[in-house]
PDB file of all heavy atoms in Angstrom:
ATOM      1  N   LYS A   1      13.889 -13.254  13.050  1.00  0.00           N
ATOM      2  CA  LYS A   1      14.383 -11.998  12.590  1.00  0.00           C
ATOM      3  C   LYS A   1      13.271 -10.972  12.604  1.00  0.00           C
ATOM      4  O   LYS A   1      12.058 -11.328  12.456  1.00  0.00           O
ATOM      5  CB  LYS A   1      14.901 -12.115  11.126  1.00  0.00           C
ATOM      6  CG  LYS A   1      16.197 -12.947  11.004  1.00  0.00           C
ATOM      7  CD  LYS A   1      16.645 -12.996   9.587  1.00  0.00           C
ATOM      8  CE  LYS A   1      17.908 -13.834   9.418  1.00  0.00           C
ATOM      9  NZ  LYS A   1      18.361 -13.839   8.057  1.00  0.00           N
ATOM     10  N   ALA A   2      13.634  -9.694  12.799  1.00  0.00           N
ATOM     11  CA  ALA A   2      12.600  -8.657  12.739  1.00  0.00           C
ATOM     12  C   ALA A   2      11.977  -8.602  11.317  1.00  0.00           C
ATOM     13  O   ALA A   2      12.691  -8.766  10.297  1.00  0.00           O
ATOM     14  CB  ALA A   2      13.209  -7.323  13.094  1.00  0.00           C
ATOM     15  N   GLU A   3      10.679  -8.401  11.232  1.00  0.00           N
ATOM     16  CA  GLU A   3      10.013  -8.342   9.954  1.00  0.00           C
ATOM     17  C   GLU A   3      10.456  -7.067   9.199  1.00  0.00           C
ATOM     18  O   GLU A   3      10.574  -6.018   9.763  1.00  0.00           O
ATOM     19  CB  GLU A   3       8.492  -8.221  10.171  1.00  0.00           C
ATOM     20  CG  GLU A   3       7.715  -8.216   8.905  1.00  0.00           C
ATOM     21  CD  GLU A   3       6.198  -8.118   9.174  1.00  0.00           C
ATOM     22  OE1 GLU A   3       5.798  -8.076  10.354  1.00  0.00           O
ATOM     23  OE2 GLU A   3       5.465  -8.087   8.198  1.00  0.00           O
ATOM     24  N   GLU A   4      10.806  -7.298   7.945  1.00  0.00           N
ATOM     25  CA  GLU A   4      11.285  -6.243   7.088  1.00  0.00           C
ATOM     26  C   GLU A   4      10.102  -5.336   6.692  1.00  0.00           C
ATOM     27  O   GLU A   4       9.089  -5.801   6.124  1.00  0.00           O
ATOM     28  CB  GLU A   4      11.941  -6.788   5.817  1.00  0.00           C
ATOM     29  CG  GLU A   4      12.579  -5.703   4.942  1.00  0.00           C
ATOM     30  CD  GLU A   4      13.734  -4.943   5.588  1.00  0.00           C
ATOM     31  OE1 GLU A   4      14.418  -5.521   6.454  1.00  0.00           O
ATOM     32  OE2 GLU A   4      13.975  -3.785   5.201  1.00  0.00           O
ATOM     33  N   ARG A   5      10.209  -4.077   7.013  1.00  0.00           N
ATOM     34  CA  ARG A   5       9.114  -3.141   6.723  1.00  0.00           C
ATOM     35  C   ARG A   5       9.177  -2.755   5.195  1.00  0.00           C
ATOM     36  O   ARG A   5      10.221  -2.610   4.621  1.00  0.00           O
ATOM     37  CB  ARG A   5       9.214  -1.908   7.547  1.00  0.00           C
ATOM     38  CG  ARG A   5       8.868  -2.082   8.987  1.00  0.00           C
ATOM     39  CD  ARG A   5       8.986  -0.802   9.810  1.00  0.00           C
ATOM     40  NE  ARG A   5       8.482  -0.991  11.148  1.00  0.00           N
ATOM     41  CZ  ARG A   5       8.515  -0.058  12.089  1.00  0.00           C
ATOM     42  NH1 ARG A   5       9.127   1.116  11.838  1.00  0.00           N
ATOM     43  NH2 ARG A   5       8.019  -0.311  13.256  1.00  0.00           N
ATOM     44  N   ARG A   6       7.977  -2.659   4.633  1.00  0.00           N
ATOM     45  CA  ARG A   6       7.821  -2.327   3.211  1.00  0.00           C
ATOM     46  C   ARG A   6       8.345  -0.895   2.951  1.00  0.00           C
ATOM     47  O   ARG A   6       8.034   0.002   3.661  1.00  0.00           O
ATOM     48  CB  ARG A   6       6.355  -2.491   2.779  1.00  0.00           C
ATOM     49  CG  ARG A   6       6.113  -2.479   1.316  1.00  0.00           C
ATOM     50  CD  ARG A   6       6.407  -3.872   0.720  1.00  0.00           C
ATOM     51  NE  ARG A   6       6.038  -3.912  -0.657  1.00  0.00           N
ATOM     52  CZ  ARG A   6       4.928  -4.582  -1.103  1.00  0.00           C
ATOM     53  NH1 ARG A   6       4.179  -5.244  -0.214  1.00  0.00           N
ATOM     54  NH2 ARG A   6       4.598  -4.621  -2.344  1.00  0.00           N
ATOM     55  N   HIS A   7       9.218  -0.797   1.898  1.00  0.00           N
ATOM     56  CA  HIS A   7       9.766   0.530   1.536  1.00  0.00           C
ATOM     57  C   HIS A   7       8.855   1.163   0.522  1.00  0.00           C
ATOM     58  O   HIS A   7       8.722   0.706  -0.601  1.00  0.00           O
ATOM     59  CB  HIS A   7      11.157   0.286   0.968  1.00  0.00           C
ATOM     60  CG  HIS A   7      12.005   1.521   1.028  1.00  0.00           C
ATOM     61  ND1 HIS A   7      13.013   1.783   0.138  1.00  0.00           N
ATOM     62  CD2 HIS A   7      12.013   2.565   1.888  1.00  0.00           C
ATOM     63  CE1 HIS A   7      13.595   2.911   0.441  1.00  0.00           C
ATOM     64  NE2 HIS A   7      12.972   3.406   1.494  1.00  0.00           N
ATOM     65  N   LEU A   8       8.220   2.235   0.938  1.00  0.00           N
ATOM     66  CA  LEU A   8       7.233   2.895   0.078  1.00  0.00           C
ATOM     67  C   LEU A   8       7.645   4.372  -0.233  1.00  0.00           C
ATOM     68  O   LEU A   8       7.030   5.303   0.142  1.00  0.00           O
ATOM     69  CB  LEU A   8       5.840   2.930   0.739  1.00  0.00           C
ATOM     70  CG  LEU A   8       5.245   1.536   1.091  1.00  0.00           C
ATOM     71  CD1 LEU A   8       3.978   1.641   1.818  1.00  0.00           C
ATOM     72  CD2 LEU A   8       5.170   0.681  -0.150  1.00  0.00           C
ATOM     73  N   ASN A   9       8.752   4.492  -0.983  1.00  0.00           N
ATOM     74  CA  ASN A   9       9.316   5.794  -1.191  1.00  0.00           C
ATOM     75  C   ASN A   9       8.969   6.382  -2.589  1.00  0.00           C
ATOM     76  O   ASN A   9       9.450   7.373  -2.991  1.00  0.00           O
ATOM     77  CB  ASN A   9      10.845   5.779  -1.057  1.00  0.00           C
ATOM     78  CG  ASN A   9      11.507   4.836  -2.059  1.00  0.00           C
ATOM     79  OD1 ASN A   9      10.836   3.922  -2.554  1.00  0.00           O
ATOM     80  ND2 ASN A   9      12.822   5.090  -2.347  1.00  0.00           N
ATOM     81  N   SER A  10       8.104   5.685  -3.325  1.00  0.00           N
ATOM     82  CA  SER A  10       7.715   6.112  -4.661  1.00  0.00           C
ATOM     83  C   SER A  10       6.293   5.745  -4.898  1.00  0.00           C
ATOM     84  O   SER A  10       5.689   4.865  -4.311  1.00  0.00           O
ATOM     85  CB  SER A  10       8.602   5.501  -5.729  1.00  0.00           C
ATOM     86  OG  SER A  10       8.379   4.064  -5.831  1.00  0.00           O
ATOM     87  N   ALA A  11       5.685   6.473  -5.902  1.00  0.00           N
ATOM     88  CA  ALA A  11       4.290   6.186  -6.344  1.00  0.00           C
ATOM     89  C   ALA A  11       4.160   4.772  -6.806  1.00  0.00           C
ATOM     90  O   ALA A  11       3.144   4.063  -6.529  1.00  0.00           O
ATOM     91  CB  ALA A  11       3.856   7.186  -7.327  1.00  0.00           C
ATOM     92  N   ASP A  12       5.154   4.272  -7.561  1.00  0.00           N
ATOM     93  CA  ASP A  12       5.120   2.871  -8.081  1.00  0.00           C
ATOM     94  C   ASP A  12       5.063   1.899  -6.938  1.00  0.00           C
ATOM     95  O   ASP A  12       4.285   0.924  -6.977  1.00  0.00           O
ATOM     96  CB  ASP A  12       6.318   2.596  -8.943  1.00  0.00           C
ATOM     97  CG  ASP A  12       6.210   3.145 -10.351  1.00  0.00           C
ATOM     98  OD1 ASP A  12       5.030   3.402 -10.740  1.00  0.00           O
ATOM     99  OD2 ASP A  12       7.257   3.331 -11.010  1.00  0.00           O
ATOM    100  N   ALA A  13       5.892   2.145  -5.885  1.00  0.00           N
ATOM    101  CA  ALA A  13       6.013   1.133  -4.745  1.00  0.00           C
ATOM    102  C   ALA A  13       4.636   1.185  -3.992  1.00  0.00           C
ATOM    103  O   ALA A  13       4.138   0.120  -3.523  1.00  0.00           O
ATOM    104  CB  ALA A  13       7.126   1.533  -3.848  1.00  0.00           C
ATOM    105  N   ILE A  14       4.083   2.394  -3.844  1.00  0.00           N
ATOM    106  CA  ILE A  14       2.815   2.486  -3.135  1.00  0.00           C
ATOM    107  C   ILE A  14       1.706   1.836  -3.915  1.00  0.00           C
ATOM    108  O   ILE A  14       0.870   1.100  -3.325  1.00  0.00           O
ATOM    109  CB  ILE A  14       2.456   3.996  -2.892  1.00  0.00           C
ATOM    110  CG1 ILE A  14       3.488   4.643  -1.949  1.00  0.00           C
ATOM    111  CG2 ILE A  14       1.070   4.167  -2.303  1.00  0.00           C
ATOM    112  CD1 ILE A  14       3.476   6.186  -2.007  1.00  0.00           C
ATOM    113  N   TYR A  15       1.684   1.984  -5.239  1.00  0.00           N
ATOM    114  CA  TYR A  15       0.705   1.391  -6.055  1.00  0.00           C
ATOM    115  C   TYR A  15       0.798  -0.152  -5.972  1.00  0.00           C
ATOM    116  O   TYR A  15      -0.219  -0.873  -5.834  1.00  0.00           O
ATOM    117  CB  TYR A  15       0.801   1.851  -7.519  1.00  0.00           C
ATOM    118  CG  TYR A  15      -0.127   1.108  -8.446  1.00  0.00           C
ATOM    119  CD1 TYR A  15      -1.449   1.518  -8.486  1.00  0.00           C
ATOM    120  CD2 TYR A  15       0.355   0.140  -9.287  1.00  0.00           C
ATOM    121  CE1 TYR A  15      -2.362   0.812  -9.343  1.00  0.00           C
ATOM    122  CE2 TYR A  15      -0.521  -0.529 -10.140  1.00  0.00           C
ATOM    123  CZ  TYR A  15      -1.827  -0.188 -10.167  1.00  0.00           C
ATOM    124  OH  TYR A  15      -2.687  -0.833 -11.105  1.00  0.00           O
ATOM    125  N   GLU A  16       2.029  -0.678  -6.056  1.00  0.00           N
ATOM    126  CA  GLU A  16       2.178  -2.127  -5.992  1.00  0.00           C
ATOM    127  C   GLU A  16       1.748  -2.705  -4.643  1.00  0.00           C
ATOM    128  O   GLU A  16       1.198  -3.827  -4.605  1.00  0.00           O
ATOM    129  CB  GLU A  16       3.690  -2.502  -6.166  1.00  0.00           C
ATOM    130  CG  GLU A  16       4.137  -2.316  -7.580  1.00  0.00           C
ATOM    131  CD  GLU A  16       5.634  -2.620  -7.766  1.00  0.00           C
ATOM    132  OE1 GLU A  16       6.223  -3.207  -6.810  1.00  0.00           O
ATOM    133  OE2 GLU A  16       6.179  -2.293  -8.837  1.00  0.00           O
ATOM    134  N   TYR A  17       1.828  -1.905  -3.560  1.00  0.00           N
ATOM    135  CA  TYR A  17       1.367  -2.334  -2.294  1.00  0.00           C
ATOM    136  C   TYR A  17      -0.159  -2.318  -2.149  1.00  0.00           C
ATOM    137  O   TYR A  17      -0.767  -3.214  -1.647  1.00  0.00           O
ATOM    138  CB  TYR A  17       1.961  -1.508  -1.196  1.00  0.00           C
ATOM    139  CG  TYR A  17       1.522  -1.797   0.238  1.00  0.00           C
ATOM    140  CD1 TYR A  17       1.886  -3.011   0.851  1.00  0.00           C
ATOM    141  CD2 TYR A  17       0.657  -0.975   0.910  1.00  0.00           C
ATOM    142  CE1 TYR A  17       1.468  -3.320   2.116  1.00  0.00           C
ATOM    143  CE2 TYR A  17       0.229  -1.262   2.153  1.00  0.00           C
ATOM    144  CZ  TYR A  17       0.626  -2.440   2.756  1.00  0.00           C
ATOM    145  OH  TYR A  17       0.130  -2.738   4.042  1.00  0.00           O
ATOM    146  N   MET A  18      -0.762  -1.255  -2.688  1.00  0.00           N
ATOM    147  CA  MET A  18      -2.178  -1.011  -2.489  1.00  0.00           C
ATOM    148  C   MET A  18      -3.039  -1.639  -3.535  1.00  0.00           C
ATOM    149  O   MET A  18      -4.239  -1.973  -3.294  1.00  0.00           O
ATOM    150  CB  MET A  18      -2.477   0.484  -2.411  1.00  0.00           C
ATOM    151  CG  MET A  18      -1.992   1.174  -1.160  1.00  0.00           C
ATOM    152  SD  MET A  18      -2.637   0.455   0.395  1.00  0.00           S
ATOM    153  CE  MET A  18      -4.418   0.632   0.183  1.00  0.00           C
ATOM    154  N   HIS A  19      -2.515  -1.866  -4.727  1.00  0.00           N
ATOM    155  CA  HIS A  19      -3.326  -2.404  -5.857  1.00  0.00           C
ATOM    156  C   HIS A  19      -4.018  -3.739  -5.493  1.00  0.00           C
ATOM    157  O   HIS A  19      -5.239  -3.852  -5.778  1.00  0.00           O
ATOM    158  CB  HIS A  19      -2.490  -2.520  -7.131  1.00  0.00           C
ATOM    159  CG  HIS A  19      -3.272  -3.066  -8.299  1.00  0.00           C
ATOM    160  ND1 HIS A  19      -3.012  -4.276  -8.834  1.00  0.00           N
ATOM    161  CD2 HIS A  19      -4.326  -2.586  -8.993  1.00  0.00           C
ATOM    162  CE1 HIS A  19      -3.892  -4.521  -9.810  1.00  0.00           C
ATOM    163  NE2 HIS A  19      -4.705  -3.492  -9.927  1.00  0.00           N
ATOM    164  N   PRO A  20      -3.312  -4.693  -4.880  1.00  0.00           N
ATOM    165  CA  PRO A  20      -4.023  -5.941  -4.558  1.00  0.00           C
ATOM    166  C   PRO A  20      -5.193  -5.773  -3.645  1.00  0.00           C
ATOM    167  O   PRO A  20      -6.147  -6.533  -3.606  1.00  0.00           O
ATOM    168  CB  PRO A  20      -2.936  -6.802  -3.919  1.00  0.00           C
ATOM    169  CG  PRO A  20      -1.658  -6.275  -4.452  1.00  0.00           C
ATOM    170  CD  PRO A  20      -1.913  -4.849  -4.618  1.00  0.00           C
ATOM    171  N   ILE A  21      -5.153  -4.762  -2.759  1.00  0.00           N
ATOM    172  CA  ILE A  21      -6.150  -4.484  -1.784  1.00  0.00           C
ATOM    173  C   ILE A  21      -7.338  -3.853  -2.444  1.00  0.00           C
ATOM    174  O   ILE A  21      -8.506  -4.115  -2.086  1.00  0.00           O
ATOM    175  CB  ILE A  21      -5.610  -3.535  -0.641  1.00  0.00           C
ATOM    176  CG1 ILE A  21      -4.488  -4.236   0.097  1.00  0.00           C
ATOM    177  CG2 ILE A  21      -6.740  -3.103   0.293  1.00  0.00           C
ATOM    178  CD1 ILE A  21      -3.766  -3.392   1.059  1.00  0.00           C
ATOM    179  N   MET A  22      -7.119  -3.008  -3.469  1.00  0.00           N
ATOM    180  CA  MET A  22      -8.160  -2.147  -4.027  1.00  0.00           C
ATOM    181  C   MET A  22      -8.729  -2.589  -5.377  1.00  0.00           C
ATOM    182  O   MET A  22      -9.719  -2.118  -5.856  1.00  0.00           O
ATOM    183  CB  MET A  22      -7.675  -0.737  -4.130  1.00  0.00           C
ATOM    184  CG  MET A  22      -7.419  -0.035  -2.759  1.00  0.00           C
ATOM    185  SD  MET A  22      -6.941   1.706  -2.906  1.00  0.00           S
ATOM    186  CE  MET A  22      -7.574   2.310  -1.375  1.00  0.00           C
ATOM    187  N   GLN A  23      -8.007  -3.506  -6.084  1.00  0.00           N
ATOM    188  CA  GLN A  23      -8.316  -3.802  -7.486  1.00  0.00           C
ATOM    189  C   GLN A  23      -9.694  -4.280  -7.781  1.00  0.00           C
ATOM    190  O   GLN A  23     -10.297  -3.994  -8.776  1.00  0.00           O
ATOM    191  CB  GLN A  23      -7.288  -4.780  -8.049  1.00  0.00           C
ATOM    192  CG  GLN A  23      -7.267  -6.134  -7.437  1.00  0.00           C
ATOM    193  CD  GLN A  23      -6.272  -7.030  -8.022  1.00  0.00           C
ATOM    194  OE1 GLN A  23      -5.730  -6.795  -9.123  1.00  0.00           O
ATOM    195  NE2 GLN A  23      -5.935  -8.127  -7.309  1.00  0.00           N
ATOM    196  N   ASP A  24     -10.338  -5.032  -6.820  1.00  0.00           N
ATOM    197  CA  ASP A  24     -11.623  -5.618  -7.109  1.00  0.00           C
ATOM    198  C   ASP A  24     -12.751  -4.928  -6.319  1.00  0.00           C
ATOM    199  O   ASP A  24     -13.872  -5.420  -6.272  1.00  0.00           O
ATOM    200  CB  ASP A  24     -11.609  -7.090  -6.710  1.00  0.00           C
ATOM    201  CG  ASP A  24     -10.685  -7.887  -7.602  1.00  0.00           C
ATOM    202  OD1 ASP A  24     -10.583  -7.550  -8.759  1.00  0.00           O
ATOM    203  OD2 ASP A  24     -10.039  -8.810  -7.058  1.00  0.00           O
ATOM    204  N   LEU A  25     -12.499  -3.791  -5.635  1.00  0.00           N
ATOM    205  CA  LEU A  25     -13.495  -3.089  -4.870  1.00  0.00           C
ATOM    206  C   LEU A  25     -14.557  -2.423  -5.829  1.00  0.00           C
ATOM    207  O   LEU A  25     -14.210  -1.821  -6.842  1.00  0.00           O
ATOM    208  CB  LEU A  25     -12.841  -2.060  -4.000  1.00  0.00           C
ATOM    209  CG  LEU A  25     -11.919  -2.503  -2.914  1.00  0.00           C
ATOM    210  CD1 LEU A  25     -11.315  -1.296  -2.183  1.00  0.00           C
ATOM    211  CD2 LEU A  25     -12.667  -3.421  -1.905  1.00  0.00           C
ATOM    212  N   ASP A  26     -15.856  -2.577  -5.444  1.00  0.00           N
ATOM    213  CA  ASP A  26     -16.834  -1.893  -6.227  1.00  0.00           C
ATOM    214  C   ASP A  26     -17.387  -0.638  -5.608  1.00  0.00           C
ATOM    215  O   ASP A  26     -18.294  -0.008  -6.159  1.00  0.00           O
ATOM    216  CB  ASP A  26     -18.038  -2.885  -6.516  1.00  0.00           C
ATOM    217  CG  ASP A  26     -18.619  -3.493  -5.268  1.00  0.00           C
ATOM    218  OD1 ASP A  26     -18.192  -3.035  -4.131  1.00  0.00           O
ATOM    219  OD2 ASP A  26     -19.530  -4.326  -5.345  1.00  0.00           O
ATOM    220  N   THR A  27     -16.799  -0.283  -4.436  1.00  0.00           N
ATOM    221  CA  THR A  27     -17.111   0.985  -3.796  1.00  0.00           C
ATOM    222  C   THR A  27     -15.787   1.643  -3.429  1.00  0.00           C
ATOM    223  O   THR A  27     -14.741   0.943  -3.360  1.00  0.00           O
ATOM    224  CB  THR A  27     -17.972   0.820  -2.520  1.00  0.00           C
ATOM    225  OG1 THR A  27     -17.327  -0.036  -1.625  1.00  0.00           O
ATOM    226  CG2 THR A  27     -19.339   0.294  -2.884  1.00  0.00           C
ATOM    227  N   GLU A  28     -15.819   2.918  -3.184  1.00  0.00           N
ATOM    228  CA  GLU A  28     -14.599   3.656  -2.810  1.00  0.00           C
ATOM    229  C   GLU A  28     -14.153   3.331  -1.371  1.00  0.00           C
ATOM    230  O   GLU A  28     -14.952   3.249  -0.466  1.00  0.00           O
ATOM    231  CB  GLU A  28     -14.752   5.187  -3.000  1.00  0.00           C
ATOM    232  CG  GLU A  28     -14.614   5.601  -4.401  1.00  0.00           C
ATOM    233  CD  GLU A  28     -14.246   7.107  -4.499  1.00  0.00           C
ATOM    234  OE1 GLU A  28     -13.819   7.729  -3.501  1.00  0.00           O
ATOM    235  OE2 GLU A  28     -14.430   7.672  -5.598  1.00  0.00           O
ATOM    236  N   GLU A  29     -12.890   3.179  -1.181  1.00  0.00           N
ATOM    237  CA  GLU A  29     -12.275   3.094   0.151  1.00  0.00           C
ATOM    238  C   GLU A  29     -11.097   4.066   0.183  1.00  0.00           C
ATOM    239  O   GLU A  29     -10.418   4.300  -0.799  1.00  0.00           O
ATOM    240  CB  GLU A  29     -11.745   1.709   0.455  1.00  0.00           C
ATOM    241  CG  GLU A  29     -12.843   0.678   0.702  1.00  0.00           C
ATOM    242  CD  GLU A  29     -12.269  -0.640   1.213  1.00  0.00           C
ATOM    243  OE1 GLU A  29     -11.046  -0.798   1.339  1.00  0.00           O
ATOM    244  OE2 GLU A  29     -13.117  -1.570   1.457  1.00  0.00           O
ATOM    245  N   ALA A  30     -10.870   4.647   1.402  1.00  0.00           N
ATOM    246  CA  ALA A  30      -9.718   5.529   1.575  1.00  0.00           C
ATOM    247  C   ALA A  30      -8.842   4.870   2.660  1.00  0.00           C
ATOM    248  O   ALA A  30      -9.258   4.397   3.649  1.00  0.00           O
ATOM    249  CB  ALA A  30     -10.197   6.879   2.064  1.00  0.00           C
ATOM    250  N   TRP A  31      -7.524   4.836   2.373  1.00  0.00           N
ATOM    251  CA  TRP A  31      -6.511   4.253   3.277  1.00  0.00           C
ATOM    252  C   TRP A  31      -5.479   5.279   3.547  1.00  0.00           C
ATOM    253  O   TRP A  31      -5.133   6.119   2.670  1.00  0.00           O
ATOM    254  CB  TRP A  31      -5.865   3.011   2.621  1.00  0.00           C
ATOM    255  CG  TRP A  31      -6.785   1.833   2.590  1.00  0.00           C
ATOM    256  CD1 TRP A  31      -7.901   1.624   1.861  1.00  0.00           C
ATOM    257  CD2 TRP A  31      -6.584   0.616   3.297  1.00  0.00           C
ATOM    258  NE1 TRP A  31      -8.452   0.384   2.054  1.00  0.00           N
ATOM    259  CE2 TRP A  31      -7.646  -0.273   2.945  1.00  0.00           C
ATOM    260  CE3 TRP A  31      -5.654   0.138   4.230  1.00  0.00           C
ATOM    261  CZ2 TRP A  31      -7.755  -1.547   3.475  1.00  0.00           C
ATOM    262  CZ3 TRP A  31      -5.713  -1.176   4.744  1.00  0.00           C
ATOM    263  CH2 TRP A  31      -6.807  -1.984   4.374  1.00  0.00           C
ATOM    264  N   ILE A  32      -4.883   5.201   4.725  1.00  0.00           N
ATOM    265  CA  ILE A  32      -3.732   6.044   5.063  1.00  0.00           C
ATOM    266  C   ILE A  32      -2.554   5.111   5.330  1.00  0.00           C
ATOM    267  O   ILE A  32      -2.726   4.104   6.038  1.00  0.00           O
ATOM    268  CB  ILE A  32      -4.039   6.985   6.259  1.00  0.00           C
ATOM    269  CG1 ILE A  32      -2.904   8.018   6.411  1.00  0.00           C
ATOM    270  CG2 ILE A  32      -4.208   6.180   7.518  1.00  0.00           C
ATOM    271  CD1 ILE A  32      -2.951   9.111   5.372  1.00  0.00           C
ATOM    272  N   LEU A  33      -1.438   5.420   4.784  1.00  0.00           N
ATOM    273  CA  LEU A  33      -0.164   4.711   5.014  1.00  0.00           C
ATOM    274  C   LEU A  33       0.689   5.521   5.903  1.00  0.00           C
ATOM    275  O   LEU A  33       1.018   6.646   5.519  1.00  0.00           O
ATOM    276  CB  LEU A  33       0.497   4.352   3.707  1.00  0.00           C
ATOM    277  CG  LEU A  33      -0.313   3.592   2.659  1.00  0.00           C
ATOM    278  CD1 LEU A  33       0.544   3.342   1.429  1.00  0.00           C
ATOM    279  CD2 LEU A  33      -0.940   2.333   3.197  1.00  0.00           C
ATOM    280  N   LEU A  34       1.111   5.011   6.998  1.00  0.00           N
ATOM    281  CA  LEU A  34       1.928   5.755   7.982  1.00  0.00           C
ATOM    282  C   LEU A  34       3.365   5.212   7.816  1.00  0.00           C
ATOM    283  O   LEU A  34       3.641   4.029   7.871  1.00  0.00           O
ATOM    284  CB  LEU A  34       1.433   5.500   9.409  1.00  0.00           C
ATOM    285  CG  LEU A  34      -0.044   5.830   9.679  1.00  0.00           C
ATOM    286  CD1 LEU A  34      -0.433   5.486  11.053  1.00  0.00           C
ATOM    287  CD2 LEU A  34      -0.317   7.278   9.382  1.00  0.00           C
ATOM    288  N   LEU A  35       4.293   6.145   7.592  1.00  0.00           N
ATOM    289  CA  LEU A  35       5.692   5.789   7.253  1.00  0.00           C
ATOM    290  C   LEU A  35       6.654   6.394   8.286  1.00  0.00           C
ATOM    291  O   LEU A  35       6.358   7.415   8.903  1.00  0.00           O
ATOM    292  CB  LEU A  35       6.073   6.256   5.867  1.00  0.00           C
ATOM    293  CG  LEU A  35       5.076   5.986   4.742  1.00  0.00           C
ATOM    294  CD1 LEU A  35       5.551   6.608   3.464  1.00  0.00           C
ATOM    295  CD2 LEU A  35       4.854   4.477   4.536  1.00  0.00           C
ATOM    296  N   ASN A  36       7.775   5.759   8.440  1.00  0.00           N
ATOM    297  CA  ASN A  36       8.860   6.343   9.278  1.00  0.00           C
ATOM    298  C   ASN A  36       9.717   7.300   8.416  1.00  0.00           C
ATOM    299  O   ASN A  36       9.418   7.494   7.214  1.00  0.00           O
ATOM    300  CB  ASN A  36       9.718   5.248   9.951  1.00  0.00           C
ATOM    301  CG  ASN A  36      10.504   4.416   8.962  1.00  0.00           C
ATOM    302  OD1 ASN A  36      10.685   4.732   7.824  1.00  0.00           O
ATOM    303  ND2 ASN A  36      10.937   3.277   9.435  1.00  0.00           N
TER     304      ASN A  36
END
């Protein structure tokens, strides 16, 4: 089956997606999320 794309239509959804990536970083990182 085609992989289900993450639905990021709210700040809560975006935070839930990015928090595991950023929670333990000791320096700043910037990410861009590209959406359809």
